[in-house]
Amino acid sequence: MAERFVALLGSINVGKNRIKMADLANMLGEAGFRDVVTVAASGNVIFTDDRDPRLIEPGLESAIEAEFGFKSCAMVRTAGEVRAAIDKNPFHGTGPEHGSDKMVHSIFLSQQPETGAVDALIAEHATKGSERLALGDRVLFLDYVHGVGVSDLSNKVLERRLKVKGTARNMNSLKNILSKMD
């Protein structure tokens, strides 16, 4: 049965990896995806398909490399998974213990990392910075507190330490994506 998905693509319109969202949408349409809509210019593509999302991801990554000439990671999620990445993020909400929607991120992961690797990262970083981390289901919750640009926890560092690929979206972006999926 066909379902609405979002592909959260990494490394889109960052550095030299510049593409027009219309070109990305056209490529997906030509590949057989239906009802393709892009959200913002950062590699968020909503579409309808009836395949298992984990089978879609490697195909999207290959198609982007073939069409645009660079590697990207693709994390395909349902509306329910996006909603959970918002609702279950322990740093999102109201009150003084919660971060701002701009600084609080959900980092979508290619697979569930080993708990020991996450625990080691959290323990090590506790003495290095003000960021807060927690693990969900194929998602790492991260409150950057003072900003992404001043943090040592870059996507490359997280991928190397957790041994999984990932791409991050802040709460503002996720709410926007979810509103277009519903």
C-alpha atoms as a PDB file:
ATOM      1  CA  MET A   1       0.000   0.000   0.000  1.00  0.00           C
ATOM      2  CA  ALA A   2       1.311   3.445  -0.928  1.00  0.00           C
ATOM      3  CA  GLU A   3       2.495   5.665   1.902  1.00  0.00           C
ATOM      4  CA  ARG A   4       3.820   9.220   2.305  1.00  0.00           C
ATOM      5  CA  PHE A   5       7.502   9.427   3.133  1.00  0.00           C
ATOM      6  CA  VAL A   6      10.118  12.107   3.539  1.00  0.00           C
ATOM      7  CA  ALA A   7      13.652  11.623   2.318  1.00  0.00           C
ATOM      8  CA  LEU A   8      16.011  13.590   4.528  1.00  0.00           C
ATOM      9  CA  LEU A   9      19.090  13.970   2.373  1.00  0.00           C
ATOM     10  CA  GLY A  10      22.491  14.855   3.756  1.00  0.00           C
ATOM     11  CA  SER A  11      25.048  17.188   2.172  1.00  0.00           C
ATOM     12  CA  ILE A  12      22.529  18.964  -0.060  1.00  0.00           C
ATOM     13  CA  ASN A  13      23.300  22.630  -0.788  1.00  0.00           C
ATOM     14  CA  VAL A  14      26.285  22.503   1.547  1.00  0.00           C
ATOM     15  CA  GLY A  15      29.687  23.500   0.216  1.00  0.00           C
ATOM     16  CA  LYS A  16      29.971  22.621  -3.477  1.00  0.00           C
ATOM     17  CA  ASN A  17      26.991  20.223  -3.420  1.00  0.00           C
ATOM     18  CA  ARG A  18      24.541  22.710  -4.927  1.00  0.00           C
ATOM     19  CA  ILE A  19      21.389  21.530  -6.669  1.00  0.00           C
ATOM     20  CA  LYS A  20      18.028  23.081  -7.406  1.00  0.00           C
ATOM     21  CA  MET A  21      15.153  21.485  -5.564  1.00  0.00           C
ATOM     22  CA  ALA A  22      13.142  21.454  -8.815  1.00  0.00           C
ATOM     23  CA  ASP A  23      15.878  19.305 -10.402  1.00  0.00           C
ATOM     24  CA  LEU A  24      15.821  16.955  -7.423  1.00  0.00           C
ATOM     25  CA  ALA A  25      12.020  16.683  -7.579  1.00  0.00           C
ATOM     26  CA  ASN A  26      12.147  16.017 -11.323  1.00  0.00           C
ATOM     27  CA  MET A  27      14.731  13.277 -10.843  1.00  0.00           C
ATOM     28  CA  LEU A  28      12.542  11.569  -8.236  1.00  0.00           C
ATOM     29  CA  GLY A  29       9.478  11.881 -10.462  1.00  0.00           C
ATOM     30  CA  GLU A  30      11.360  10.290 -13.342  1.00  0.00           C
ATOM     31  CA  ALA A  31      12.443   7.489 -10.976  1.00  0.00           C
ATOM     32  CA  GLY A  32       8.779   6.629 -10.359  1.00  0.00           C
ATOM     33  CA  PHE A  33       8.062   8.384  -7.081  1.00  0.00           C
ATOM     34  CA  ARG A  34       4.640  10.023  -6.917  1.00  0.00           C
ATOM     35  CA  ASP A  35       3.385  13.318  -5.490  1.00  0.00           C
ATOM     36  CA  VAL A  36       6.922  14.683  -5.066  1.00  0.00           C
ATOM     37  CA  VAL A  37       7.236  17.899  -3.050  1.00  0.00           C
ATOM     38  CA  THR A  38      10.415  19.525  -1.753  1.00  0.00           C
ATOM     39  CA  VAL A  39      10.549  21.408   1.540  1.00  0.00           C
ATOM     40  CA  ALA A  40      13.125  24.190   1.870  1.00  0.00           C
ATOM     41  CA  ALA A  41      16.369  24.021  -0.095  1.00  0.00           C
ATOM     42  CA  SER A  42      18.186  21.609   2.191  1.00  0.00           C
ATOM     43  CA  GLY A  43      17.303  18.204   0.788  1.00  0.00           C
ATOM     44  CA  ASN A  44      13.886  17.416   2.228  1.00  0.00           C
ATOM     45  CA  VAL A  45      11.699  15.594  -0.282  1.00  0.00           C
ATOM     46  CA  ILE A  46       8.204  14.292   0.438  1.00  0.00           C
ATOM     47  CA  PHE A  47       6.793  11.622  -1.868  1.00  0.00           C
ATOM     48  CA  THR A  48       4.435   8.684  -2.129  1.00  0.00           C
ATOM     49  CA  ASP A  49       5.693   5.146  -2.698  1.00  0.00           C
ATOM     50  CA  ASP A  50       4.764   1.578  -1.836  1.00  0.00           C
ATOM     51  CA  ARG A  51       8.241   0.147  -1.229  1.00  0.00           C
ATOM     52  CA  ASP A  52       9.970  -0.498   2.089  1.00  0.00           C
ATOM     53  CA  PRO A  53      11.765   2.756   3.012  1.00  0.00           C
ATOM     54  CA  ARG A  54      15.003   0.924   3.807  1.00  0.00           C
ATOM     55  CA  LEU A  55      15.051  -0.296   0.205  1.00  0.00           C
ATOM     56  CA  ILE A  56      14.467   3.226  -1.096  1.00  0.00           C
ATOM     57  CA  GLU A  57      17.450   4.775   0.722  1.00  0.00           C
ATOM     58  CA  PRO A  58      20.352   3.161  -1.202  1.00  0.00           C
ATOM     59  CA  GLY A  59      18.580   3.791  -4.506  1.00  0.00           C
ATOM     60  CA  LEU A  60      18.199   7.479  -3.715  1.00  0.00           C
ATOM     61  CA  GLU A  61      21.841   7.752  -2.711  1.00  0.00           C
ATOM     62  CA  SER A  62      22.961   6.120  -5.979  1.00  0.00           C
ATOM     63  CA  ALA A  63      20.608   8.242  -8.087  1.00  0.00           C
ATOM     64  CA  ILE A  64      21.828  11.491  -6.501  1.00  0.00           C
ATOM     65  CA  GLU A  65      25.452  10.546  -7.087  1.00  0.00           C
ATOM     66  CA  ALA A  66      24.759   9.552 -10.706  1.00  0.00           C
ATOM     67  CA  GLU A  67      22.658  12.636 -11.479  1.00  0.00           C
ATOM     68  CA  PHE A  68      24.448  15.347  -9.491  1.00  0.00           C
ATOM     69  CA  GLY A  69      27.966  13.956  -9.020  1.00  0.00           C
ATOM     70  CA  PHE A  70      28.299  13.836  -5.240  1.00  0.00           C
ATOM     71  CA  LYS A  71      27.556  11.454  -2.396  1.00  0.00           C
ATOM     72  CA  SER A  72      24.579  12.076  -0.151  1.00  0.00           C
ATOM     73  CA  CYS A  73      22.999   9.988   2.571  1.00  0.00           C
ATOM     74  CA  ALA A  74      19.257   9.384   2.437  1.00  0.00           C
ATOM     75  CA  MET A  75      17.157   8.746   5.522  1.00  0.00           C
ATOM     76  CA  VAL A  76      13.584   7.859   4.524  1.00  0.00           C
ATOM     77  CA  ARG A  77      10.960   8.183   7.247  1.00  0.00           C
ATOM     78  CA  THR A  78       7.173   8.081   7.631  1.00  0.00           C
ATOM     79  CA  ALA A  79       5.133  10.936   9.091  1.00  0.00           C
ATOM     80  CA  GLY A  80       4.845   8.899  12.292  1.00  0.00           C
ATOM     81  CA  GLU A  81       8.623   8.621  12.556  1.00  0.00           C
ATOM     82  CA  VAL A  82       9.045  12.369  11.986  1.00  0.00           C
ATOM     83  CA  ARG A  83       6.393  13.071  14.619  1.00  0.00           C
ATOM     84  CA  ALA A  84       8.199  10.748  17.063  1.00  0.00           C
ATOM     85  CA  ALA A  85      11.502  12.555  16.358  1.00  0.00           C
ATOM     86  CA  ILE A  86       9.772  15.720  17.559  1.00  0.00           C
ATOM     87  CA  ASP A  87       7.617  14.357  20.388  1.00  0.00           C
ATOM     88  CA  LYS A  88      10.194  11.985  21.882  1.00  0.00           C
ATOM     89  CA  ASN A  89      13.059  14.453  21.735  1.00  0.00           C
ATOM     90  CA  PRO A  90      13.742  15.037  25.440  1.00  0.00           C
ATOM     91  CA  PHE A  91      15.174  18.505  24.779  1.00  0.00           C
ATOM     92  CA  HIS A  92      12.124  19.801  22.893  1.00  0.00           C
ATOM     93  CA  GLY A  93       9.162  21.338  24.625  1.00  0.00           C
ATOM     94  CA  THR A  94       8.397  24.233  26.886  1.00  0.00           C
ATOM     95  CA  GLY A  95      10.027  25.296  30.091  1.00  0.00           C
ATOM     96  CA  PRO A  96      13.529  26.272  31.169  1.00  0.00           C
ATOM     97  CA  GLU A  97      14.903  22.725  30.826  1.00  0.00           C
ATOM     98  CA  HIS A  98      14.141  22.649  27.097  1.00  0.00           C
ATOM     99  CA  GLY A  99      16.156  24.187  24.286  1.00  0.00           C
ATOM    100  CA  SER A 100      15.049  26.454  21.483  1.00  0.00           C
ATOM    101  CA  ASP A 101      13.561  24.873  18.354  1.00  0.00           C
ATOM    102  CA  LYS A 102      16.487  26.241  16.351  1.00  0.00           C
ATOM    103  CA  MET A 103      19.122  24.570  18.549  1.00  0.00           C
ATOM    104  CA  VAL A 104      17.363  21.270  19.306  1.00  0.00           C
ATOM    105  CA  HIS A 105      17.990  18.678  16.582  1.00  0.00           C
ATOM    106  CA  SER A 106      16.985  15.158  15.717  1.00  0.00           C
ATOM    107  CA  ILE A 107      19.754  13.419  13.809  1.00  0.00           C
ATOM    108  CA  PHE A 108      18.296  10.640  11.675  1.00  0.00           C
ATOM    109  CA  LEU A 109      20.595   7.631  11.552  1.00  0.00           C
ATOM    110  CA  SER A 110      21.073   4.919   8.927  1.00  0.00           C
ATOM    111  CA  GLN A 111      20.772   2.278  11.635  1.00  0.00           C
ATOM    112  CA  GLN A 112      20.643   1.979  15.401  1.00  0.00           C
ATOM    113  CA  PRO A 113      24.153   2.591  16.770  1.00  0.00           C
ATOM    114  CA  GLU A 114      25.650   0.409  19.444  1.00  0.00           C
ATOM    115  CA  THR A 115      24.513   1.622  22.862  1.00  0.00           C
ATOM    116  CA  GLY A 116      28.089   1.466  24.181  1.00  0.00           C
ATOM    117  CA  ALA A 117      29.280   3.878  21.491  1.00  0.00           C
ATOM    118  CA  VAL A 118      26.520   6.340  22.349  1.00  0.00           C
ATOM    119  CA  ASP A 119      27.153   6.030  26.092  1.00  0.00           C
ATOM    120  CA  ALA A 120      30.872   6.621  25.549  1.00  0.00           C
ATOM    121  CA  LEU A 121      30.179   9.697  23.412  1.00  0.00           C
ATOM    122  CA  ILE A 122      27.783  11.139  26.011  1.00  0.00           C
ATOM    123  CA  ALA A 123      30.199  10.465  28.884  1.00  0.00           C
ATOM    124  CA  GLU A 124      33.187  11.907  27.062  1.00  0.00           C
ATOM    125  CA  HIS A 125      31.343  14.995  25.896  1.00  0.00           C
ATOM    126  CA  ALA A 126      29.883  15.720  29.354  1.00  0.00           C
ATOM    127  CA  THR A 127      33.201  17.321  30.323  1.00  0.00           C
ATOM    128  CA  LYS A 128      33.796  19.080  26.987  1.00  0.00           C
ATOM    129  CA  GLY A 129      30.722  21.113  26.109  1.00  0.00           C
ATOM    130  CA  SER A 130      27.256  22.225  27.047  1.00  0.00           C
ATOM    131  CA  GLU A 131      25.461  20.142  24.419  1.00  0.00           C
ATOM    132  CA  ARG A 132      23.029  17.474  25.584  1.00  0.00           C
ATOM    133  CA  LEU A 133      22.587  14.113  23.817  1.00  0.00           C
ATOM    134  CA  ALA A 134      20.135  11.208  24.030  1.00  0.00           C
ATOM    135  CA  LEU A 135      19.417   8.192  21.856  1.00  0.00           C
ATOM    136  CA  GLY A 136      16.075   7.277  20.310  1.00  0.00           C
ATOM    137  CA  ASP A 137      15.025   4.743  17.677  1.00  0.00           C
ATOM    138  CA  ARG A 138      17.454   5.333  14.770  1.00  0.00           C
ATOM    139  CA  VAL A 139      17.684   8.953  15.870  1.00  0.00           C
ATOM    140  CA  LEU A 140      20.100  10.880  18.069  1.00  0.00           C
ATOM    141  CA  PHE A 141      18.599  13.807  19.942  1.00  0.00           C
ATOM    142  CA  LEU A 142      20.960  16.731  20.380  1.00  0.00           C
ATOM    143  CA  ASP A 143      20.517  20.127  21.964  1.00  0.00           C
ATOM    144  CA  TYR A 144      23.305  22.338  20.658  1.00  0.00           C
ATOM    145  CA  VAL A 145      22.491  24.923  23.394  1.00  0.00           C
ATOM    146  CA  HIS A 146      24.869  27.661  22.137  1.00  0.00           C
ATOM    147  CA  GLY A 147      24.713  26.832  18.424  1.00  0.00           C
ATOM    148  CA  VAL A 148      25.852  24.281  15.888  1.00  0.00           C
ATOM    149  CA  GLY A 149      28.723  26.471  14.683  1.00  0.00           C
ATOM    150  CA  VAL A 150      30.477  26.507  18.060  1.00  0.00           C
ATOM    151  CA  SER A 151      30.027  22.813  18.807  1.00  0.00           C
ATOM    152  CA  ASP A 152      32.635  20.079  18.461  1.00  0.00           C
ATOM    153  CA  LEU A 153      29.816  17.637  17.662  1.00  0.00           C
ATOM    154  CA  SER A 154      29.780  17.978  13.888  1.00  0.00           C
ATOM    155  CA  ASN A 155      28.014  15.432  11.714  1.00  0.00           C
ATOM    156  CA  LYS A 156      31.386  13.965  10.691  1.00  0.00           C
ATOM    157  CA  VAL A 157      32.415  13.500  14.322  1.00  0.00           C
ATOM    158  CA  LEU A 158      29.103  11.863  15.201  1.00  0.00           C
ATOM    159  CA  GLU A 159      29.251   9.513  12.203  1.00  0.00           C
ATOM    160  CA  ARG A 160      32.821   8.494  12.995  1.00  0.00           C
ATOM    161  CA  ARG A 161      32.112   7.894  16.680  1.00  0.00           C
ATOM    162  CA  LEU A 162      28.778   6.087  16.213  1.00  0.00           C
ATOM    163  CA  LYS A 163      29.788   4.261  13.002  1.00  0.00           C
ATOM    164  CA  VAL A 164      26.510   5.130  11.256  1.00  0.00           C
ATOM    165  CA  LYS A 165      25.514   7.762   8.704  1.00  0.00           C
ATOM    166  CA  GLY A 166      23.234  10.577   9.760  1.00  0.00           C
ATOM    167  CA  THR A 167      21.610  13.837   8.781  1.00  0.00           C
ATOM    168  CA  ALA A 168      20.233  16.418  11.201  1.00  0.00           C
ATOM    169  CA  ARG A 169      17.148  18.614  11.208  1.00  0.00           C
ATOM    170  CA  ASN A 170      16.181  21.121  13.875  1.00  0.00           C
ATOM    171  CA  MET A 171      12.699  21.255  15.382  1.00  0.00           C
ATOM    172  CA  ASN A 172      11.606  24.173  13.184  1.00  0.00           C
ATOM    173  CA  SER A 173      12.462  22.180  10.047  1.00  0.00           C
ATOM    174  CA  LEU A 174      10.825  18.991  11.314  1.00  0.00           C
ATOM    175  CA  LYS A 175       7.597  20.793  12.195  1.00  0.00           C
ATOM    176  CA  ASN A 176       7.542  22.340   8.726  1.00  0.00           C
ATOM    177  CA  ILE A 177       8.166  18.958   7.062  1.00  0.00           C
ATOM    178  CA  LEU A 178       5.495  17.260   9.155  1.00  0.00           C
ATOM    179  CA  SER A 179       2.918  19.941   8.319  1.00  0.00           C
ATOM    180  CA  LYS A 180       3.450  19.213   4.618  1.00  0.00           C
ATOM    181  CA  MET A 181       3.252  15.436   5.100  1.00  0.00           C
ATOM    182  CA  ASP A 182      -0.112  15.519   6.912  1.00  0.00           C
END
